[in-house]
Amino acid sequence: MTHRIGIGYDIHRLEPGSGIVVGGVSIPCEYRVVAHSDGDVLLHALCDALLGAVGAGDIGEHFPDTDETHRGRDSRTFVQAVLALPALKPWRVTNMDSNIIAQVPRLGPYKLPMRQFLAELLFLPLGRIGVKARTNEGLDAVGEKRAIQAQVVVLLEPVR
């Protein structure tokens, strides 16, 4: 078997509130994410990257927002459920890289805790987890502080 690569993306609206969760880390700020679950854009994009790498659909197919059992759900449980799928069993994650695009809040101080959370979640050494934070320089909904988005790429190798 060869390696597999997956890419994931997610975006959520922001509105006035008291904090958001990104990469499993609670970030106090003047915003909240509008979402059915906890709205962790980074973990949602990670789910899509993992699912895409093995041709197993997307997060909306596995965890539809029409299912009330997912309301307010901790997104780490989505990632854990995806990793437990039979389609993922012959594979292991060897690397993850990501971009979080947000005008607000400033994410720099939270990148290391996010990497640590993701390393534990994916059973990887810290050096195989990339988390980068970007702004959109005032452009579009993200730049206007109305949304937050994330992109994730994963590399999978066969379990030996």
N, C-alpha and C. Protein backbone atom coordinates (compact mmCIF):
# COMPACT_ATOMS: atom_id res chain seq x y z
N MET A 1 0.83 -1.19 0.00
CA MET A 1 0.00 0.00 0.00
C MET A 1 0.87 1.25 0.00
N THR A 2 0.35 2.28 -0.59
CA THR A 2 1.06 3.56 -0.60
C THR A 2 0.49 4.47 0.49
N HIS A 3 1.06 5.62 0.59
CA HIS A 3 0.56 6.61 1.55
C HIS A 3 -0.75 7.23 1.03
N ARG A 4 -1.47 7.84 1.94
CA ARG A 4 -2.70 8.56 1.58
C ARG A 4 -2.59 9.98 2.12
N ILE A 5 -3.15 10.92 1.37
CA ILE A 5 -3.18 12.32 1.78
C ILE A 5 -4.64 12.76 1.81
N GLY A 6 -5.00 13.51 2.83
CA GLY A 6 -6.36 14.06 2.92
C GLY A 6 -6.30 15.54 3.21
N ILE A 7 -7.28 16.26 2.70
CA ILE A 7 -7.38 17.69 2.96
C ILE A 7 -8.78 17.98 3.50
N GLY A 8 -8.84 18.86 4.48
CA GLY A 8 -10.12 19.22 5.07
C GLY A 8 -10.25 20.72 5.24
N TYR A 9 -11.48 21.17 5.28
CA TYR A 9 -11.78 22.60 5.39
C TYR A 9 -13.05 22.76 6.21
N ASP A 10 -13.11 23.83 7.00
CA ASP A 10 -14.35 24.18 7.70
C ASP A 10 -14.38 25.68 7.93
N ILE A 11 -15.58 26.20 8.03
CA ILE A 11 -15.79 27.62 8.32
C ILE A 11 -17.04 27.73 9.19
N HIS A 12 -17.02 28.64 10.14
CA HIS A 12 -18.19 28.91 10.97
C HIS A 12 -18.33 30.42 11.16
N ARG A 13 -19.58 30.84 11.27
CA ARG A 13 -19.86 32.24 11.56
C ARG A 13 -19.50 32.55 13.01
N LEU A 14 -19.12 33.79 13.24
CA LEU A 14 -18.87 34.31 14.58
C LEU A 14 -19.95 35.32 14.93
N GLU A 15 -20.30 35.36 16.21
CA GLU A 15 -21.21 36.39 16.71
C GLU A 15 -20.75 36.76 18.11
N PRO A 16 -21.26 37.85 18.66
CA PRO A 16 -20.85 38.25 20.01
C PRO A 16 -21.09 37.12 21.01
N GLY A 17 -20.11 36.93 21.90
CA GLY A 17 -20.20 35.86 22.89
C GLY A 17 -19.07 35.97 23.89
N SER A 18 -18.72 34.82 24.49
CA SER A 18 -17.71 34.85 25.55
C SER A 18 -16.55 33.88 25.33
N GLY A 19 -16.44 33.30 24.14
CA GLY A 19 -15.30 32.44 23.87
C GLY A 19 -15.58 31.40 22.81
N ILE A 20 -14.49 30.85 22.26
CA ILE A 20 -14.58 29.81 21.24
C ILE A 20 -13.63 28.67 21.61
N VAL A 21 -13.82 27.55 20.92
CA VAL A 21 -12.91 26.40 21.05
C VAL A 21 -12.28 26.18 19.69
N VAL A 22 -10.96 26.14 19.64
CA VAL A 22 -10.23 25.88 18.40
C VAL A 22 -9.11 24.90 18.73
N GLY A 23 -9.02 23.82 17.98
CA GLY A 23 -7.97 22.83 18.22
C GLY A 23 -8.04 22.24 19.61
N GLY A 24 -9.26 22.13 20.14
CA GLY A 24 -9.45 21.55 21.47
C GLY A 24 -9.13 22.48 22.62
N VAL A 25 -8.80 23.73 22.31
CA VAL A 25 -8.39 24.70 23.32
C VAL A 25 -9.47 25.78 23.46
N SER A 26 -9.90 26.03 24.69
CA SER A 26 -10.87 27.10 24.95
C SER A 26 -10.15 28.44 24.93
N ILE A 27 -10.70 29.36 24.16
CA ILE A 27 -10.09 30.67 23.98
C ILE A 27 -11.09 31.74 24.40
N PRO A 28 -10.83 32.41 25.53
CA PRO A 28 -11.74 33.48 25.94
C PRO A 28 -11.62 34.67 24.97
N CYS A 29 -12.77 35.17 24.54
CA CYS A 29 -12.78 36.33 23.64
C CYS A 29 -14.19 36.88 23.60
N GLU A 30 -14.40 37.89 22.79
CA GLU A 30 -15.70 38.55 22.71
C GLU A 30 -16.62 37.92 21.67
N TYR A 31 -16.31 36.71 21.22
CA TYR A 31 -17.07 36.04 20.17
C TYR A 31 -17.44 34.63 20.59
N ARG A 32 -18.40 34.07 19.87
CA ARG A 32 -18.72 32.66 19.96
C ARG A 32 -18.95 32.16 18.55
N VAL A 33 -18.80 30.86 18.37
CA VAL A 33 -19.00 30.25 17.06
C VAL A 33 -20.46 29.83 16.94
N VAL A 34 -21.05 30.10 15.80
CA VAL A 34 -22.41 29.64 15.52
C VAL A 34 -22.28 28.26 14.91
N ALA A 35 -22.70 27.24 15.65
CA ALA A 35 -22.54 25.86 15.19
C ALA A 35 -23.49 24.94 15.94
N HIS A 36 -23.72 23.78 15.37
CA HIS A 36 -24.56 22.76 16.01
C HIS A 36 -23.81 22.08 17.15
N SER A 37 -22.53 21.77 16.90
CA SER A 37 -21.68 21.16 17.93
C SER A 37 -20.94 22.29 18.66
N ASP A 38 -19.75 21.99 19.20
CA ASP A 38 -18.97 23.05 19.85
C ASP A 38 -18.32 24.00 18.84
N GLY A 39 -18.41 23.66 17.54
CA GLY A 39 -17.94 24.56 16.49
C GLY A 39 -16.44 24.66 16.34
N ASP A 40 -15.70 23.64 16.74
CA ASP A 40 -14.23 23.66 16.63
C ASP A 40 -13.84 23.46 15.16
N VAL A 41 -13.58 24.56 14.46
CA VAL A 41 -13.29 24.49 13.03
C VAL A 41 -12.07 23.64 12.71
N LEU A 42 -11.07 23.66 13.57
CA LEU A 42 -9.86 22.89 13.30
C LEU A 42 -10.14 21.39 13.38
N LEU A 43 -10.86 20.96 14.40
CA LEU A 43 -11.17 19.54 14.52
C LEU A 43 -12.15 19.08 13.45
N HIS A 44 -13.06 19.95 13.03
CA HIS A 44 -13.97 19.58 11.94
C HIS A 44 -13.20 19.41 10.64
N ALA A 45 -12.27 20.30 10.36
CA ALA A 45 -11.44 20.17 9.16
C ALA A 45 -10.56 18.93 9.24
N LEU A 46 -10.08 18.60 10.44
CA LEU A 46 -9.29 17.38 10.63
C LEU A 46 -10.13 16.15 10.30
N CYS A 47 -11.37 16.11 10.76
CA CYS A 47 -12.26 14.99 10.43
C CYS A 47 -12.39 14.83 8.92
N ASP A 48 -12.64 15.94 8.22
CA ASP A 48 -12.78 15.87 6.77
C ASP A 48 -11.50 15.41 6.09
N ALA A 49 -10.36 15.84 6.59
CA ALA A 49 -9.08 15.40 6.01
C ALA A 49 -8.91 13.89 6.18
N LEU A 50 -9.18 13.39 7.37
CA LEU A 50 -9.06 11.96 7.63
C LEU A 50 -10.03 11.16 6.77
N LEU A 51 -11.27 11.60 6.73
CA LEU A 51 -12.29 10.90 5.94
C LEU A 51 -11.94 10.94 4.46
N GLY A 52 -11.50 12.08 3.97
CA GLY A 52 -11.15 12.21 2.57
C GLY A 52 -9.97 11.33 2.17
N ALA A 53 -9.01 11.17 3.06
CA ALA A 53 -7.83 10.36 2.75
C ALA A 53 -8.18 8.90 2.47
N VAL A 54 -9.27 8.43 3.05
CA VAL A 54 -9.66 7.02 2.85
C VAL A 54 -10.96 6.91 2.06
N GLY A 55 -11.41 7.99 1.45
CA GLY A 55 -12.61 7.96 0.62
C GLY A 55 -13.87 7.61 1.39
N ALA A 56 -13.96 8.11 2.63
CA ALA A 56 -15.09 7.74 3.50
C ALA A 56 -16.07 8.89 3.72
N GLY A 57 -16.19 9.78 2.75
CA GLY A 57 -17.18 10.84 2.87
C GLY A 57 -16.67 12.06 3.60
N ASP A 58 -17.60 12.73 4.31
CA ASP A 58 -17.24 13.94 5.02
C ASP A 58 -17.96 14.00 6.36
N ILE A 59 -17.61 14.99 7.15
CA ILE A 59 -18.13 15.10 8.51
C ILE A 59 -19.66 15.22 8.53
N GLY A 60 -20.23 15.91 7.55
CA GLY A 60 -21.67 16.07 7.49
C GLY A 60 -22.41 14.76 7.26
N GLU A 61 -21.79 13.83 6.56
CA GLU A 61 -22.40 12.51 6.34
C GLU A 61 -22.38 11.68 7.62
N HIS A 62 -21.29 11.77 8.36
CA HIS A 62 -21.13 10.95 9.56
C HIS A 62 -21.79 11.57 10.79
N PHE A 63 -21.81 12.89 10.86
CA PHE A 63 -22.34 13.59 12.04
C PHE A 63 -23.24 14.75 11.59
N PRO A 64 -24.39 14.45 11.00
CA PRO A 64 -25.23 15.52 10.44
C PRO A 64 -25.75 16.48 11.51
N ASP A 65 -25.84 17.75 11.12
CA ASP A 65 -26.34 18.75 12.07
C ASP A 65 -27.85 18.65 12.27
N THR A 66 -28.49 17.73 11.57
CA THR A 66 -29.91 17.47 11.79
C THR A 66 -30.13 16.46 12.92
N ASP A 67 -29.05 15.87 13.40
CA ASP A 67 -29.12 14.89 14.49
C ASP A 67 -28.90 15.62 15.81
N GLU A 68 -29.92 15.67 16.63
CA GLU A 68 -29.85 16.41 17.89
C GLU A 68 -28.83 15.84 18.87
N THR A 69 -28.41 14.59 18.69
CA THR A 69 -27.41 14.03 19.61
C THR A 69 -26.07 14.74 19.47
N HIS A 70 -25.88 15.46 18.36
CA HIS A 70 -24.62 16.17 18.14
C HIS A 70 -24.65 17.61 18.65
N ARG A 71 -25.81 18.08 19.14
CA ARG A 71 -25.92 19.47 19.60
C ARG A 71 -24.96 19.71 20.77
N GLY A 72 -24.07 20.69 20.60
CA GLY A 72 -23.12 21.05 21.64
C GLY A 72 -22.01 20.03 21.86
N ARG A 73 -21.93 19.03 21.02
CA ARG A 73 -20.97 17.93 21.20
C ARG A 73 -19.52 18.42 21.11
N ASP A 74 -18.68 17.86 21.96
CA ASP A 74 -17.24 18.13 21.96
C ASP A 74 -16.66 17.51 20.68
N SER A 75 -16.03 18.32 19.86
CA SER A 75 -15.54 17.86 18.56
C SER A 75 -14.44 16.82 18.66
N ARG A 76 -13.78 16.73 19.80
CA ARG A 76 -12.76 15.67 19.94
C ARG A 76 -13.42 14.30 19.76
N THR A 77 -14.69 14.16 20.17
CA THR A 77 -15.37 12.87 20.02
C THR A 77 -15.65 12.56 18.56
N PHE A 78 -15.80 13.58 17.72
CA PHE A 78 -15.93 13.34 16.28
C PHE A 78 -14.63 12.74 15.74
N VAL A 79 -13.51 13.34 16.11
CA VAL A 79 -12.21 12.84 15.64
C VAL A 79 -11.99 11.41 16.13
N GLN A 80 -12.28 11.15 17.39
CA GLN A 80 -12.11 9.80 17.93
C GLN A 80 -12.99 8.79 17.19
N ALA A 81 -14.22 9.18 16.87
CA ALA A 81 -15.11 8.28 16.13
C ALA A 81 -14.60 8.03 14.71
N VAL A 82 -14.08 9.06 14.07
CA VAL A 82 -13.52 8.90 12.72
C VAL A 82 -12.32 7.97 12.76
N LEU A 83 -11.43 8.17 13.72
CA LEU A 83 -10.24 7.31 13.82
C LEU A 83 -10.61 5.85 14.07
N ALA A 84 -11.78 5.61 14.67
CA ALA A 84 -12.22 4.24 14.97
C ALA A 84 -12.95 3.57 13.81
N LEU A 85 -13.22 4.30 12.73
CA LEU A 85 -13.93 3.72 11.60
C LEU A 85 -13.11 2.60 10.96
N PRO A 86 -13.77 1.54 10.48
CA PRO A 86 -13.04 0.45 9.81
C PRO A 86 -12.17 0.93 8.65
N ALA A 87 -12.62 1.95 7.92
CA ALA A 87 -11.84 2.46 6.78
C ALA A 87 -10.49 3.03 7.21
N LEU A 88 -10.38 3.48 8.46
CA LEU A 88 -9.13 4.07 8.96
C LEU A 88 -8.24 3.04 9.63
N LYS A 89 -8.76 1.87 9.97
CA LYS A 89 -7.99 0.88 10.74
C LYS A 89 -6.68 0.48 10.08
N PRO A 90 -6.63 0.32 8.74
CA PRO A 90 -5.34 -0.07 8.14
C PRO A 90 -4.33 1.07 8.02
N TRP A 91 -4.69 2.25 8.52
CA TRP A 91 -3.86 3.44 8.36
C TRP A 91 -3.54 4.08 9.69
N ARG A 92 -2.43 4.80 9.72
CA ARG A 92 -2.12 5.63 10.88
C ARG A 92 -1.66 7.00 10.38
N VAL A 93 -2.02 7.99 11.15
CA VAL A 93 -1.63 9.36 10.81
C VAL A 93 -0.15 9.51 11.11
N THR A 94 0.59 10.05 10.15
CA THR A 94 2.02 10.29 10.37
C THR A 94 2.36 11.77 10.45
N ASN A 95 1.46 12.62 9.95
CA ASN A 95 1.72 14.05 9.95
C ASN A 95 0.41 14.80 9.77
N MET A 96 0.33 15.96 10.40
CA MET A 96 -0.83 16.83 10.23
C MET A 96 -0.33 18.27 10.16
N ASP A 97 -0.84 19.01 9.19
CA ASP A 97 -0.51 20.43 9.10
C ASP A 97 -1.82 21.20 8.94
N SER A 98 -1.84 22.43 9.44
CA SER A 98 -3.10 23.18 9.41
C SER A 98 -2.87 24.68 9.34
N ASN A 99 -3.89 25.35 8.83
CA ASN A 99 -4.02 26.80 8.86
C ASN A 99 -5.32 27.13 9.55
N ILE A 100 -5.28 28.05 10.48
CA ILE A 100 -6.50 28.61 11.05
C ILE A 100 -6.53 30.06 10.60
N ILE A 101 -7.62 30.44 9.96
CA ILE A 101 -7.72 31.79 9.42
C ILE A 101 -8.79 32.53 10.22
N ALA A 102 -8.35 33.56 10.94
CA ALA A 102 -9.26 34.32 11.80
C ALA A 102 -8.70 35.71 12.03
N GLN A 103 -9.54 36.70 11.88
CA GLN A 103 -9.13 38.06 12.21
C GLN A 103 -9.12 38.23 13.73
N VAL A 104 -10.11 37.60 14.36
CA VAL A 104 -10.23 37.58 15.82
C VAL A 104 -10.65 36.18 16.25
N PRO A 105 -10.25 35.74 17.40
CA PRO A 105 -9.27 36.34 18.30
C PRO A 105 -7.85 36.09 17.80
N ARG A 106 -6.89 36.73 18.40
CA ARG A 106 -5.49 36.46 18.09
C ARG A 106 -5.15 35.08 18.62
N LEU A 107 -4.63 34.22 17.76
CA LEU A 107 -4.43 32.81 18.13
C LEU A 107 -3.00 32.44 18.48
N GLY A 108 -2.05 33.34 18.26
CA GLY A 108 -0.64 33.03 18.51
C GLY A 108 -0.36 32.37 19.85
N PRO A 109 -0.87 32.90 20.95
CA PRO A 109 -0.57 32.31 22.26
C PRO A 109 -1.16 30.91 22.46
N TYR A 110 -2.06 30.50 21.57
CA TYR A 110 -2.75 29.22 21.75
C TYR A 110 -2.24 28.13 20.81
N LYS A 111 -1.31 28.46 19.93
CA LYS A 111 -0.84 27.46 18.96
C LYS A 111 -0.16 26.27 19.62
N LEU A 112 0.71 26.51 20.58
CA LEU A 112 1.38 25.39 21.25
C LEU A 112 0.38 24.50 22.00
N PRO A 113 -0.54 25.05 22.80
CA PRO A 113 -1.53 24.17 23.43
C PRO A 113 -2.37 23.39 22.42
N MET A 114 -2.67 24.00 21.27
CA MET A 114 -3.40 23.27 20.23
C MET A 114 -2.57 22.11 19.70
N ARG A 115 -1.30 22.37 19.42
CA ARG A 115 -0.42 21.31 18.93
C ARG A 115 -0.32 20.17 19.94
N GLN A 116 -0.20 20.53 21.21
CA GLN A 116 -0.12 19.50 22.26
C GLN A 116 -1.40 18.68 22.32
N PHE A 117 -2.54 19.33 22.23
CA PHE A 117 -3.83 18.63 22.23
C PHE A 117 -3.92 17.69 21.03
N LEU A 118 -3.57 18.19 19.85
CA LEU A 118 -3.65 17.39 18.63
C LEU A 118 -2.67 16.22 18.65
N ALA A 119 -1.47 16.45 19.17
CA ALA A 119 -0.49 15.37 19.26
C ALA A 119 -1.03 14.23 20.12
N GLU A 120 -1.65 14.57 21.22
CA GLU A 120 -2.23 13.54 22.09
C GLU A 120 -3.41 12.85 21.41
N LEU A 121 -4.26 13.62 20.76
CA LEU A 121 -5.44 13.07 20.10
C LEU A 121 -5.08 12.12 18.97
N LEU A 122 -4.00 12.45 18.24
CA LEU A 122 -3.59 11.65 17.08
C LEU A 122 -2.45 10.68 17.38
N PHE A 123 -2.00 10.64 18.64
CA PHE A 123 -0.91 9.74 19.06
C PHE A 123 0.36 10.01 18.25
N LEU A 124 0.70 11.28 18.13
CA LEU A 124 1.87 11.70 17.36
C LEU A 124 2.82 12.52 18.22
N PRO A 125 4.12 12.49 17.87
CA PRO A 125 5.03 13.43 18.53
C PRO A 125 4.70 14.86 18.10
N LEU A 126 4.98 15.79 18.96
CA LEU A 126 4.66 17.20 18.72
C LEU A 126 5.24 17.71 17.40
N GLY A 127 6.40 17.24 17.03
CA GLY A 127 7.06 17.69 15.81
C GLY A 127 6.36 17.29 14.53
N ARG A 128 5.33 16.47 14.62
CA ARG A 128 4.57 16.07 13.43
C ARG A 128 3.22 16.77 13.33
N ILE A 129 3.05 17.79 14.15
CA ILE A 129 1.80 18.56 14.15
C ILE A 129 2.13 20.01 13.82
N GLY A 130 1.52 20.53 12.78
CA GLY A 130 1.69 21.94 12.43
C GLY A 130 0.40 22.70 12.63
N VAL A 131 0.48 23.81 13.33
CA VAL A 131 -0.67 24.71 13.50
C VAL A 131 -0.18 26.12 13.20
N LYS A 132 -0.74 26.70 12.17
CA LYS A 132 -0.39 28.07 11.80
C LYS A 132 -1.63 28.94 11.90
N ALA A 133 -1.46 30.17 12.33
CA ALA A 133 -2.58 31.11 12.44
C ALA A 133 -2.36 32.25 11.47
N ARG A 134 -3.41 32.59 10.76
CA ARG A 134 -3.35 33.64 9.76
C ARG A 134 -4.55 34.57 9.94
N THR A 135 -4.45 35.76 9.38
CA THR A 135 -5.62 36.64 9.26
C THR A 135 -5.95 36.73 7.77
N ASN A 136 -7.05 37.35 7.46
CA ASN A 136 -7.40 37.58 6.06
C ASN A 136 -7.24 39.05 5.69
N GLU A 137 -6.42 39.76 6.49
CA GLU A 137 -6.06 41.14 6.18
C GLU A 137 -7.30 42.01 5.93
N GLY A 138 -8.36 41.76 6.69
CA GLY A 138 -9.56 42.57 6.58
C GLY A 138 -10.47 42.22 5.42
N LEU A 139 -10.13 41.18 4.65
CA LEU A 139 -10.93 40.80 3.49
C LEU A 139 -11.98 39.76 3.84
N ASP A 140 -13.07 39.73 3.18
CA ASP A 140 -14.19 38.79 3.25
C ASP A 140 -14.75 38.64 4.66
N ALA A 141 -15.61 37.64 4.87
CA ALA A 141 -16.28 37.46 6.17
C ALA A 141 -15.28 37.22 7.29
N VAL A 142 -14.20 36.50 7.01
CA VAL A 142 -13.19 36.25 8.04
C VAL A 142 -12.52 37.57 8.43
N GLY A 143 -12.10 38.32 7.44
CA GLY A 143 -11.43 39.59 7.70
C GLY A 143 -12.33 40.62 8.36
N GLU A 144 -13.63 40.47 8.16
CA GLU A 144 -14.60 41.39 8.78
C GLU A 144 -15.06 40.89 10.14
N LYS A 145 -14.38 39.89 10.68
CA LYS A 145 -14.66 39.35 12.02
C LYS A 145 -16.03 38.69 12.12
N ARG A 146 -16.51 38.16 10.98
CA ARG A 146 -17.80 37.49 10.97
C ARG A 146 -17.67 35.98 10.84
N ALA A 147 -16.43 35.46 10.68
CA ALA A 147 -16.24 34.02 10.50
C ALA A 147 -14.82 33.62 10.89
N ILE A 148 -14.66 32.32 11.09
CA ILE A 148 -13.36 31.69 11.34
C ILE A 148 -13.31 30.44 10.47
N GLN A 149 -12.15 30.15 9.91
CA GLN A 149 -12.03 28.96 9.07
C GLN A 149 -10.73 28.22 9.35
N ALA A 150 -10.70 26.97 8.90
CA ALA A 150 -9.50 26.14 9.08
C ALA A 150 -9.32 25.23 7.88
N GLN A 151 -8.05 24.94 7.60
CA GLN A 151 -7.65 23.99 6.57
C GLN A 151 -6.71 22.99 7.23
N VAL A 152 -6.86 21.72 6.88
CA VAL A 152 -6.00 20.68 7.45
C VAL A 152 -5.56 19.73 6.34
N VAL A 153 -4.31 19.32 6.39
CA VAL A 153 -3.78 18.27 5.53
C VAL A 153 -3.22 17.18 6.43
N VAL A 154 -3.55 15.92 6.11
CA VAL A 154 -2.99 14.80 6.86
C VAL A 154 -2.29 13.85 5.90
N LEU A 155 -1.26 13.20 6.41
CA LEU A 155 -0.57 12.14 5.69
C LEU A 155 -0.78 10.85 6.48
N LEU A 156 -1.25 9.81 5.79
CA LEU A 156 -1.45 8.51 6.41
C LEU A 156 -0.50 7.50 5.80
N GLU A 157 -0.04 6.56 6.62
CA GLU A 157 0.78 5.46 6.12
C GLU A 157 0.13 4.16 6.56
N PRO A 158 0.42 3.08 5.85
CA PRO A 158 -0.17 1.80 6.24
C PRO A 158 0.34 1.37 7.62
N VAL A 159 -0.54 0.75 8.38
CA VAL A 159 -0.14 0.15 9.66
C VAL A 159 0.61 -1.13 9.32
N ARG A 160 1.77 -1.30 9.92
CA ARG A 160 2.56 -2.51 9.62
C ARG A 160 2.53 -3.45 10.79
